[in-house]
Amino acid sequence: MSTGHPVPRHGAIGFAGATISVLVGTLAASVSFRYFLLYIYFVPLIVADLIVAVVLAMRSGLMAQAGRGMLIGLLSVPLAPAVIWFCYLASS
């Protein structure tokens, strides 16, 4: 049953997806900051998150919102270690 109202491209579901992806990326970066080899254990988690995000983004409606939010949130994966490293260098 369709109400005839189009689903907006971005919304609360996308924000929730981005928030969870940022949490996963930042957690992986902060936990494995001192021990670079720990990133090996987080790579499968990040790849699984990426695959789910791409599959959801190709859907329609609210699922697509969540997928796009997750893809935006995955930007934190390469940015979080860089920010943490910069702050560490600035404080020492």
PDB file of N, CA and C in Angstrom:
ATOM      1  N   MET A   1       0.830  -1.184   0.000  1.00  0.00           N
ATOM      2  CA  MET A   1       0.000   0.000   0.000  1.00  0.00           C
ATOM      3  C   MET A   1       0.869   1.239   0.000  1.00  0.00           C
ATOM      4  N   SER A   2       0.717   2.008  -0.989  1.00  0.00           N
ATOM      5  CA  SER A   2       1.478   3.242  -1.093  1.00  0.00           C
ATOM      6  C   SER A   2       0.560   4.421  -0.813  1.00  0.00           C
ATOM      7  N   THR A   3       1.065   5.366  -0.048  1.00  0.00           N
ATOM      8  CA  THR A   3       0.277   6.546   0.268  1.00  0.00           C
ATOM      9  C   THR A   3       0.449   7.631  -0.773  1.00  0.00           C
ATOM     10  N   GLY A   4       1.371   7.440  -1.706  1.00  0.00           N
ATOM     11  CA  GLY A   4       1.592   8.425  -2.738  1.00  0.00           C
ATOM     12  C   GLY A   4       2.614   9.474  -2.364  1.00  0.00           C
ATOM     13  N   HIS A   5       3.121   9.410  -1.128  1.00  0.00           N
ATOM     14  CA  HIS A   5       4.136  10.367  -0.697  1.00  0.00           C
ATOM     15  C   HIS A   5       5.512   9.773  -0.952  1.00  0.00           C
ATOM     16  N   PRO A   6       6.362  10.489  -1.679  1.00  0.00           N
ATOM     17  CA  PRO A   6       7.705   9.953  -1.907  1.00  0.00           C
ATOM     18  C   PRO A   6       8.535  10.000  -0.620  1.00  0.00           C
ATOM     19  N   VAL A   7       9.393   9.019  -0.459  1.00  0.00           N
ATOM     20  CA  VAL A   7      10.281   8.979   0.699  1.00  0.00           C
ATOM     21  C   VAL A   7      11.431   9.946   0.442  1.00  0.00           C
ATOM     22  N   PRO A   8      11.732  10.846   1.397  1.00  0.00           N
ATOM     23  CA  PRO A   8      12.833  11.787   1.191  1.00  0.00           C
ATOM     24  C   PRO A   8      14.167  11.051   1.073  1.00  0.00           C
ATOM     25  N   ARG A   9      15.091  11.659   0.372  1.00  0.00           N
ATOM     26  CA  ARG A   9      16.394  11.029   0.126  1.00  0.00           C
ATOM     27  C   ARG A   9      17.191  10.873   1.417  1.00  0.00           C
ATOM     28  N   HIS A  10      17.088  11.809   2.319  1.00  0.00           N
ATOM     29  CA  HIS A  10      17.807  11.755   3.589  1.00  0.00           C
ATOM     30  C   HIS A  10      16.816  11.969   4.714  1.00  0.00           C
ATOM     31  N   GLY A  11      17.059  11.327   5.836  1.00  0.00           N
ATOM     32  CA  GLY A  11      16.147  11.463   6.969  1.00  0.00           C
ATOM     33  C   GLY A  11      16.753  10.876   8.235  1.00  0.00           C
ATOM     34  N   ALA A  12      15.900  10.617   9.200  1.00  0.00           N
ATOM     35  CA  ALA A  12      16.343  10.114  10.500  1.00  0.00           C
ATOM     36  C   ALA A  12      16.974   8.730  10.400  1.00  0.00           C
ATOM     37  N   ILE A  13      16.464   7.897   9.518  1.00  0.00           N
ATOM     38  CA  ILE A  13      17.027   6.559   9.353  1.00  0.00           C
ATOM     39  C   ILE A  13      18.464   6.654   8.828  1.00  0.00           C
ATOM     40  N   GLY A  14      18.703   7.531   7.890  1.00  0.00           N
ATOM     41  CA  GLY A  14      20.056   7.736   7.368  1.00  0.00           C
ATOM     42  C   GLY A  14      20.997   8.277   8.433  1.00  0.00           C
ATOM     43  N   PHE A  15      20.475   9.162   9.277  1.00  0.00           N
ATOM     44  CA  PHE A  15      21.279   9.702  10.372  1.00  0.00           C
ATOM     45  C   PHE A  15      21.665   8.596  11.343  1.00  0.00           C
ATOM     46  N   ALA A  16      20.730   7.710  11.637  1.00  0.00           N
ATOM     47  CA  ALA A  16      21.015   6.585  12.537  1.00  0.00           C
ATOM     48  C   ALA A  16      22.060   5.654  11.917  1.00  0.00           C
ATOM     49  N   GLY A  17      21.944   5.397  10.619  1.00  0.00           N
ATOM     50  CA  GLY A  17      22.934   4.562   9.939  1.00  0.00           C
ATOM     51  C   GLY A  17      24.319   5.187   9.958  1.00  0.00           C
ATOM     52  N   ALA A  18      24.376   6.490   9.728  1.00  0.00           N
ATOM     53  CA  ALA A  18      25.667   7.196   9.765  1.00  0.00           C
ATOM     54  C   ALA A  18      26.250   7.174  11.171  1.00  0.00           C
ATOM     55  N   THR A  19      25.420   7.349  12.178  1.00  0.00           N
ATOM     56  CA  THR A  19      25.890   7.348  13.557  1.00  0.00           C
ATOM     57  C   THR A  19      26.492   6.003  13.932  1.00  0.00           C
ATOM     58  N   ILE A  20      25.839   4.925  13.539  1.00  0.00           N
ATOM     59  CA  ILE A  20      26.351   3.596  13.862  1.00  0.00           C
ATOM     60  C   ILE A  20      27.655   3.330  13.116  1.00  0.00           C
ATOM     61  N   SER A  21      27.745   3.743  11.856  1.00  0.00           N
ATOM     62  CA  SER A  21      28.984   3.548  11.099  1.00  0.00           C
ATOM     63  C   SER A  21      30.129   4.366  11.672  1.00  0.00           C
ATOM     64  N   VAL A  22      29.848   5.572  12.107  1.00  0.00           N
ATOM     65  CA  VAL A  22      30.880   6.398  12.733  1.00  0.00           C
ATOM     66  C   VAL A  22      31.335   5.743  14.034  1.00  0.00           C
ATOM     67  N   LEU A  23      30.400   5.193  14.799  1.00  0.00           N
ATOM     68  CA  LEU A  23      30.757   4.510  16.033  1.00  0.00           C
ATOM     69  C   LEU A  23      31.687   3.334  15.753  1.00  0.00           C
ATOM     70  N   VAL A  24      31.360   2.533  14.750  1.00  0.00           N
ATOM     71  CA  VAL A  24      32.193   1.384  14.406  1.00  0.00           C
ATOM     72  C   VAL A  24      33.578   1.841  13.948  1.00  0.00           C
ATOM     73  N   GLY A  25      33.651   2.830  13.083  1.00  0.00           N
ATOM     74  CA  GLY A  25      34.929   3.310  12.575  1.00  0.00           C
ATOM     75  C   GLY A  25      35.793   3.942  13.646  1.00  0.00           C
ATOM     76  N   THR A  26      35.200   4.747  14.488  1.00  0.00           N
ATOM     77  CA  THR A  26      35.954   5.417  15.537  1.00  0.00           C
ATOM     78  C   THR A  26      36.390   4.425  16.605  1.00  0.00           C
ATOM     79  N   LEU A  27      35.535   3.476  16.914  1.00  0.00           N
ATOM     80  CA  LEU A  27      35.908   2.444  17.881  1.00  0.00           C
ATOM     81  C   LEU A  27      37.096   1.638  17.368  1.00  0.00           C
ATOM     82  N   ALA A  28      37.055   1.262  16.100  1.00  0.00           N
ATOM     83  CA  ALA A  28      38.168   0.513  15.516  1.00  0.00           C
ATOM     84  C   ALA A  28      39.448   1.333  15.538  1.00  0.00           C
ATOM     85  N   ALA A  29      39.347   2.611  15.262  1.00  0.00           N
ATOM     86  CA  ALA A  29      40.542   3.461  15.234  1.00  0.00           C
ATOM     87  C   ALA A  29      41.103   3.695  16.628  1.00  0.00           C
ATOM     88  N   SER A  30      40.247   3.929  17.603  1.00  0.00           N
ATOM     89  CA  SER A  30      40.744   4.243  18.942  1.00  0.00           C
ATOM     90  C   SER A  30      41.262   3.016  19.671  1.00  0.00           C
ATOM     91  N   VAL A  31      40.645   1.864  19.451  1.00  0.00           N
ATOM     92  CA  VAL A  31      41.104   0.649  20.121  1.00  0.00           C
ATOM     93  C   VAL A  31      42.454   0.216  19.573  1.00  0.00           C
ATOM     94  N   SER A  32      42.635   0.321  18.286  1.00  0.00           N
ATOM     95  CA  SER A  32      43.865  -0.170  17.673  1.00  0.00           C
ATOM     96  C   SER A  32      44.861   0.953  17.376  1.00  0.00           C
ATOM     97  N   PHE A  33      44.748   2.064  18.063  1.00  0.00           N
ATOM     98  CA  PHE A  33      45.622   3.202  17.806  1.00  0.00           C
ATOM     99  C   PHE A  33      47.086   2.863  18.107  1.00  0.00           C
ATOM    100  N   ARG A  34      47.341   2.313  19.256  1.00  0.00           N
ATOM    101  CA  ARG A  34      48.721   2.038  19.648  1.00  0.00           C
ATOM    102  C   ARG A  34      49.298   0.809  18.952  1.00  0.00           C
ATOM    103  N   TYR A  35      48.458  -0.119  18.582  1.00  0.00           N
ATOM    104  CA  TYR A  35      48.925  -1.370  17.987  1.00  0.00           C
ATOM    105  C   TYR A  35      48.369  -1.481  16.578  1.00  0.00           C
ATOM    106  N   PHE A  36      49.162  -1.092  15.603  1.00  0.00           N
ATOM    107  CA  PHE A  36      48.706  -1.024  14.220  1.00  0.00           C
ATOM    108  C   PHE A  36      48.242  -2.376  13.696  1.00  0.00           C
ATOM    109  N   LEU A  37      48.813  -3.462  14.177  1.00  0.00           N
ATOM    110  CA  LEU A  37      48.421  -4.785  13.700  1.00  0.00           C
ATOM    111  C   LEU A  37      46.999  -5.168  14.099  1.00  0.00           C
ATOM    112  N   LEU A  38      46.426  -4.477  15.066  1.00  0.00           N
ATOM    113  CA  LEU A  38      45.031  -4.756  15.437  1.00  0.00           C
ATOM    114  C   LEU A  38      44.059  -4.352  14.333  1.00  0.00           C
ATOM    115  N   TYR A  39      44.496  -3.483  13.421  1.00  0.00           N
ATOM    116  CA  TYR A  39      43.632  -3.108  12.314  1.00  0.00           C
ATOM    117  C   TYR A  39      43.259  -4.316  11.466  1.00  0.00           C
ATOM    118  N   ILE A  40      44.120  -5.332  11.463  1.00  0.00           N
ATOM    119  CA  ILE A  40      43.831  -6.545  10.702  1.00  0.00           C
ATOM    120  C   ILE A  40      42.534  -7.191  11.192  1.00  0.00           C
ATOM    121  N   TYR A  41      42.283  -7.110  12.487  1.00  0.00           N
ATOM    122  CA  TYR A  41      41.073  -7.707  13.038  1.00  0.00           C
ATOM    123  C   TYR A  41      39.825  -6.883  12.749  1.00  0.00           C
ATOM    124  N   PHE A  42      39.993  -5.590  12.528  1.00  0.00           N
ATOM    125  CA  PHE A  42      38.848  -4.740  12.266  1.00  0.00           C
ATOM    126  C   PHE A  42      38.503  -4.629  10.785  1.00  0.00           C
ATOM    127  N   VAL A  43      39.405  -5.023   9.911  1.00  0.00           N
ATOM    128  CA  VAL A  43      39.147  -4.936   8.472  1.00  0.00           C
ATOM    129  C   VAL A  43      37.912  -5.741   8.057  1.00  0.00           C
ATOM    130  N   PRO A  44      37.735  -7.009   8.518  1.00  0.00           N
ATOM    131  CA  PRO A  44      36.521  -7.731   8.123  1.00  0.00           C
ATOM    132  C   PRO A  44      35.236  -7.040   8.590  1.00  0.00           C
ATOM    133  N   LEU A  45      35.268  -6.439   9.768  1.00  0.00           N
ATOM    134  CA  LEU A  45      34.102  -5.719  10.273  1.00  0.00           C
ATOM    135  C   LEU A  45      33.772  -4.516   9.396  1.00  0.00           C
ATOM    136  N   ILE A  46      34.791  -3.781   8.994  1.00  0.00           N
ATOM    137  CA  ILE A  46      34.585  -2.603   8.161  1.00  0.00           C
ATOM    138  C   ILE A  46      34.139  -3.002   6.755  1.00  0.00           C
ATOM    139  N   VAL A  47      34.721  -4.077   6.218  1.00  0.00           N
ATOM    140  CA  VAL A  47      34.317  -4.553   4.890  1.00  0.00           C
ATOM    141  C   VAL A  47      32.874  -5.046   4.909  1.00  0.00           C
ATOM    142  N   ALA A  48      32.485  -5.754   5.964  1.00  0.00           N
ATOM    143  CA  ALA A  48      31.091  -6.210   6.080  1.00  0.00           C
ATOM    144  C   ALA A  48      30.147  -5.012   6.162  1.00  0.00           C
ATOM    145  N   ASP A  49      30.536  -3.989   6.914  1.00  0.00           N
ATOM    146  CA  ASP A  49      29.727  -2.772   7.009  1.00  0.00           C
ATOM    147  C   ASP A  49      29.596  -2.103   5.648  1.00  0.00           C
ATOM    148  N   LEU A  50      30.682  -2.075   4.885  1.00  0.00           N
ATOM    149  CA  LEU A  50      30.659  -1.482   3.549  1.00  0.00           C
ATOM    150  C   LEU A  50      29.741  -2.263   2.612  1.00  0.00           C
ATOM    151  N   ILE A  51      29.812  -3.580   2.653  1.00  0.00           N
ATOM    152  CA  ILE A  51      28.966  -4.402   1.783  1.00  0.00           C
ATOM    153  C   ILE A  51      27.496  -4.202   2.110  1.00  0.00           C
ATOM    154  N   VAL A  52      27.170  -4.210   3.396  1.00  0.00           N
ATOM    155  CA  VAL A  52      25.773  -3.987   3.802  1.00  0.00           C
ATOM    156  C   VAL A  52      25.307  -2.604   3.369  1.00  0.00           C
ATOM    157  N   ALA A  53      26.166  -1.587   3.510  1.00  0.00           N
ATOM    158  CA  ALA A  53      25.799  -0.221   3.127  1.00  0.00           C
ATOM    159  C   ALA A  53      25.525  -0.117   1.636  1.00  0.00           C
ATOM    160  N   VAL A  54      26.357  -0.752   0.821  1.00  0.00           N
ATOM    161  CA  VAL A  54      26.160  -0.689  -0.634  1.00  0.00           C
ATOM    162  C   VAL A  54      24.870  -1.403  -1.029  1.00  0.00           C
ATOM    163  N   VAL A  55      24.625  -2.567  -0.437  1.00  0.00           N
ATOM    164  CA  VAL A  55      23.407  -3.310  -0.764  1.00  0.00           C
ATOM    165  C   VAL A  55      22.168  -2.514  -0.359  1.00  0.00           C
ATOM    166  N   LEU A  56      22.204  -1.910   0.819  1.00  0.00           N
ATOM    167  CA  LEU A  56      21.054  -1.119   1.263  1.00  0.00           C
ATOM    168  C   LEU A  56      20.873   0.139   0.425  1.00  0.00           C
ATOM    169  N   ALA A  57      21.964   0.757   0.011  1.00  0.00           N
ATOM    170  CA  ALA A  57      21.865   1.986  -0.788  1.00  0.00           C
ATOM    171  C   ALA A  57      21.252   1.721  -2.158  1.00  0.00           C
ATOM    172  N   MET A  58      21.364   0.502  -2.656  1.00  0.00           N
ATOM    173  CA  MET A  58      20.777   0.173  -3.954  1.00  0.00           C
ATOM    174  C   MET A  58      19.283  -0.127  -3.853  1.00  0.00           C
ATOM    175  N   ARG A  59      18.778  -0.282  -2.653  1.00  0.00           N
ATOM    176  CA  ARG A  59      17.340  -0.517  -2.455  1.00  0.00           C
ATOM    177  C   ARG A  59      16.591   0.801  -2.595  1.00  0.00           C
ATOM    178  N   SER A  60      15.329   0.770  -2.250  1.00  0.00           N
ATOM    179  CA  SER A  60      14.541   2.002  -2.316  1.00  0.00           C
ATOM    180  C   SER A  60      13.910   2.275  -0.957  1.00  0.00           C
ATOM    181  N   GLY A  61      13.486   3.489  -0.770  1.00  0.00           N
ATOM    182  CA  GLY A  61      12.783   3.872   0.445  1.00  0.00           C
ATOM    183  C   GLY A  61      13.695   4.052   1.643  1.00  0.00           C
ATOM    184  N   LEU A  62      13.210   3.586   2.790  1.00  0.00           N
ATOM    185  CA  LEU A  62      13.944   3.780   4.035  1.00  0.00           C
ATOM    186  C   LEU A  62      15.237   2.967   4.074  1.00  0.00           C
ATOM    187  N   MET A  63      15.250   1.833   3.400  1.00  0.00           N
ATOM    188  CA  MET A  63      16.474   1.030   3.360  1.00  0.00           C
ATOM    189  C   MET A  63      17.580   1.784   2.628  1.00  0.00           C
ATOM    190  N   ALA A  64      17.232   2.482   1.575  1.00  0.00           N
ATOM    191  CA  ALA A  64      18.210   3.276   0.839  1.00  0.00           C
ATOM    192  C   ALA A  64      18.737   4.422   1.707  1.00  0.00           C
ATOM    193  N   GLN A  65      17.863   5.024   2.504  1.00  0.00           N
ATOM    194  CA  GLN A  65      18.309   6.072   3.425  1.00  0.00           C
ATOM    195  C   GLN A  65      19.347   5.527   4.394  1.00  0.00           C
ATOM    196  N   ALA A  66      19.078   4.364   4.955  1.00  0.00           N
ATOM    197  CA  ALA A  66      20.015   3.763   5.905  1.00  0.00           C
ATOM    198  C   ALA A  66      21.342   3.440   5.213  1.00  0.00           C
ATOM    199  N   GLY A  67      21.289   2.916   4.001  1.00  0.00           N
ATOM    200  CA  GLY A  67      22.509   2.594   3.266  1.00  0.00           C
ATOM    201  C   GLY A  67      23.341   3.822   2.952  1.00  0.00           C
ATOM    202  N   ARG A  68      22.685   4.892   2.510  1.00  0.00           N
ATOM    203  CA  ARG A  68      23.425   6.126   2.230  1.00  0.00           C
ATOM    204  C   ARG A  68      24.037   6.702   3.501  1.00  0.00           C
ATOM    205  N   GLY A  69      23.297   6.618   4.596  1.00  0.00           N
ATOM    206  CA  GLY A  69      23.839   7.086   5.878  1.00  0.00           C
ATOM    207  C   GLY A  69      25.042   6.273   6.310  1.00  0.00           C
ATOM    208  N   MET A  70      24.975   4.965   6.102  1.00  0.00           N
ATOM    209  CA  MET A  70      26.115   4.117   6.454  1.00  0.00           C
ATOM    210  C   MET A  70      27.321   4.437   5.585  1.00  0.00           C
ATOM    211  N   LEU A  71      27.098   4.703   4.300  1.00  0.00           N
ATOM    212  CA  LEU A  71      28.211   5.059   3.412  1.00  0.00           C
ATOM    213  C   LEU A  71      28.855   6.375   3.834  1.00  0.00           C
ATOM    214  N   ILE A  72      28.031   7.337   4.229  1.00  0.00           N
ATOM    215  CA  ILE A  72      28.567   8.611   4.717  1.00  0.00           C
ATOM    216  C   ILE A  72      29.339   8.387   6.012  1.00  0.00           C
ATOM    217  N   GLY A  73      28.797   7.557   6.881  1.00  0.00           N
ATOM    218  CA  GLY A  73      29.465   7.271   8.142  1.00  0.00           C
ATOM    219  C   GLY A  73      30.781   6.538   7.972  1.00  0.00           C
ATOM    220  N   LEU A  74      30.924   5.766   6.901  1.00  0.00           N
ATOM    221  CA  LEU A  74      32.163   5.038   6.669  1.00  0.00           C
ATOM    222  C   LEU A  74      33.324   5.965   6.318  1.00  0.00           C
ATOM    223  N   LEU A  75      33.040   7.225   6.069  1.00  0.00           N
ATOM    224  CA  LEU A  75      34.129   8.189   5.870  1.00  0.00           C
ATOM    225  C   LEU A  75      34.962   8.343   7.136  1.00  0.00           C
ATOM    226  N   SER A  76      34.379   7.997   8.277  1.00  0.00           N
ATOM    227  CA  SER A  76      35.118   8.124   9.534  1.00  0.00           C
ATOM    228  C   SER A  76      36.221   7.085   9.663  1.00  0.00           C
ATOM    229  N   VAL A  77      36.150   6.001   8.892  1.00  0.00           N
ATOM    230  CA  VAL A  77      37.161   4.951   9.018  1.00  0.00           C
ATOM    231  C   VAL A  77      38.559   5.475   8.687  1.00  0.00           C
ATOM    232  N   PRO A  78      38.781   6.136   7.549  1.00  0.00           N
ATOM    233  CA  PRO A  78      40.132   6.659   7.323  1.00  0.00           C
ATOM    234  C   PRO A  78      40.405   7.977   8.055  1.00  0.00           C
ATOM    235  N   LEU A  79      39.363   8.713   8.403  1.00  0.00           N
ATOM    236  CA  LEU A  79      39.583  10.014   9.043  1.00  0.00           C
ATOM    237  C   LEU A  79      39.879   9.894  10.533  1.00  0.00           C
ATOM    238  N   ALA A  80      39.272   8.930  11.217  1.00  0.00           N
ATOM    239  CA  ALA A  80      39.458   8.811  12.662  1.00  0.00           C
ATOM    240  C   ALA A  80      40.913   8.544  13.046  1.00  0.00           C
ATOM    241  N   PRO A  81      41.609   7.593  12.418  1.00  0.00           N
ATOM    242  CA  PRO A  81      43.015   7.405  12.807  1.00  0.00           C
ATOM    243  C   PRO A  81      43.870   8.645  12.530  1.00  0.00           C
ATOM    244  N   ALA A  82      43.574   9.350  11.455  1.00  0.00           N
ATOM    245  CA  ALA A  82      44.346  10.555  11.145  1.00  0.00           C
ATOM    246  C   ALA A  82      44.138  11.628  12.212  1.00  0.00           C
ATOM    247  N   VAL A  83      42.920  11.809  12.651  1.00  0.00           N
ATOM    248  CA  VAL A  83      42.629  12.814  13.679  1.00  0.00           C
ATOM    249  C   VAL A  83      43.240  12.404  15.013  1.00  0.00           C
ATOM    250  N   ILE A  84      43.110  11.121  15.366  1.00  0.00           N
ATOM    251  CA  ILE A  84      43.684  10.643  16.624  1.00  0.00           C
ATOM    252  C   ILE A  84      45.202  10.807  16.599  1.00  0.00           C
ATOM    253  N   TRP A  85      45.829  10.460  15.489  1.00  0.00           N
ATOM    254  CA  TRP A  85      47.284  10.584  15.377  1.00  0.00           C
ATOM    255  C   TRP A  85      47.718  12.046  15.458  1.00  0.00           C
ATOM    256  N   PHE A  86      46.980  12.941  14.799  1.00  0.00           N
ATOM    257  CA  PHE A  86      47.303  14.363  14.854  1.00  0.00           C
ATOM    258  C   PHE A  86      47.196  14.890  16.286  1.00  0.00           C
ATOM    259  N   CYS A  87      46.144  14.527  16.980  1.00  0.00           N
ATOM    260  CA  CYS A  87      45.975  14.983  18.373  1.00  0.00           C
ATOM    261  C   CYS A  87      47.066  14.419  19.273  1.00  0.00           C
ATOM    262  N   TYR A  88      47.452  13.179  19.028  1.00  0.00           N
ATOM    263  CA  TYR A  88      48.529  12.573  19.816  1.00  0.00           C
ATOM    264  C   TYR A  88      49.835  13.327  19.590  1.00  0.00           C
ATOM    265  N   LEU A  89      50.137  13.638  18.334  1.00  0.00           N
ATOM    266  CA  LEU A  89      51.365  14.382  18.042  1.00  0.00           C
ATOM    267  C   LEU A  89      51.322  15.797  18.593  1.00  0.00           C
ATOM    268  N   ALA A  90      50.157  16.418  18.546  1.00  0.00           N
ATOM    269  CA  ALA A  90      50.033  17.784  19.047  1.00  0.00           C
ATOM    270  C   ALA A  90      50.176  17.851  20.567  1.00  0.00           C
ATOM    271  N   SER A  91      49.778  16.785  21.262  1.00  0.00           N
ATOM    272  CA  SER A  91      49.843  16.816  22.714  1.00  0.00           C
ATOM    273  C   SER A  91      51.225  16.435  23.256  1.00  0.00           C
ATOM    274  N   SER A  92      52.058  15.829  22.413  1.00  0.00           N
ATOM    275  CA  SER A  92      53.382  15.430  22.930  1.00  0.00           C
ATOM    276  C   SER A  92      54.481  16.346  22.463  1.00  0.00           C
TER     277      SER A  92
END
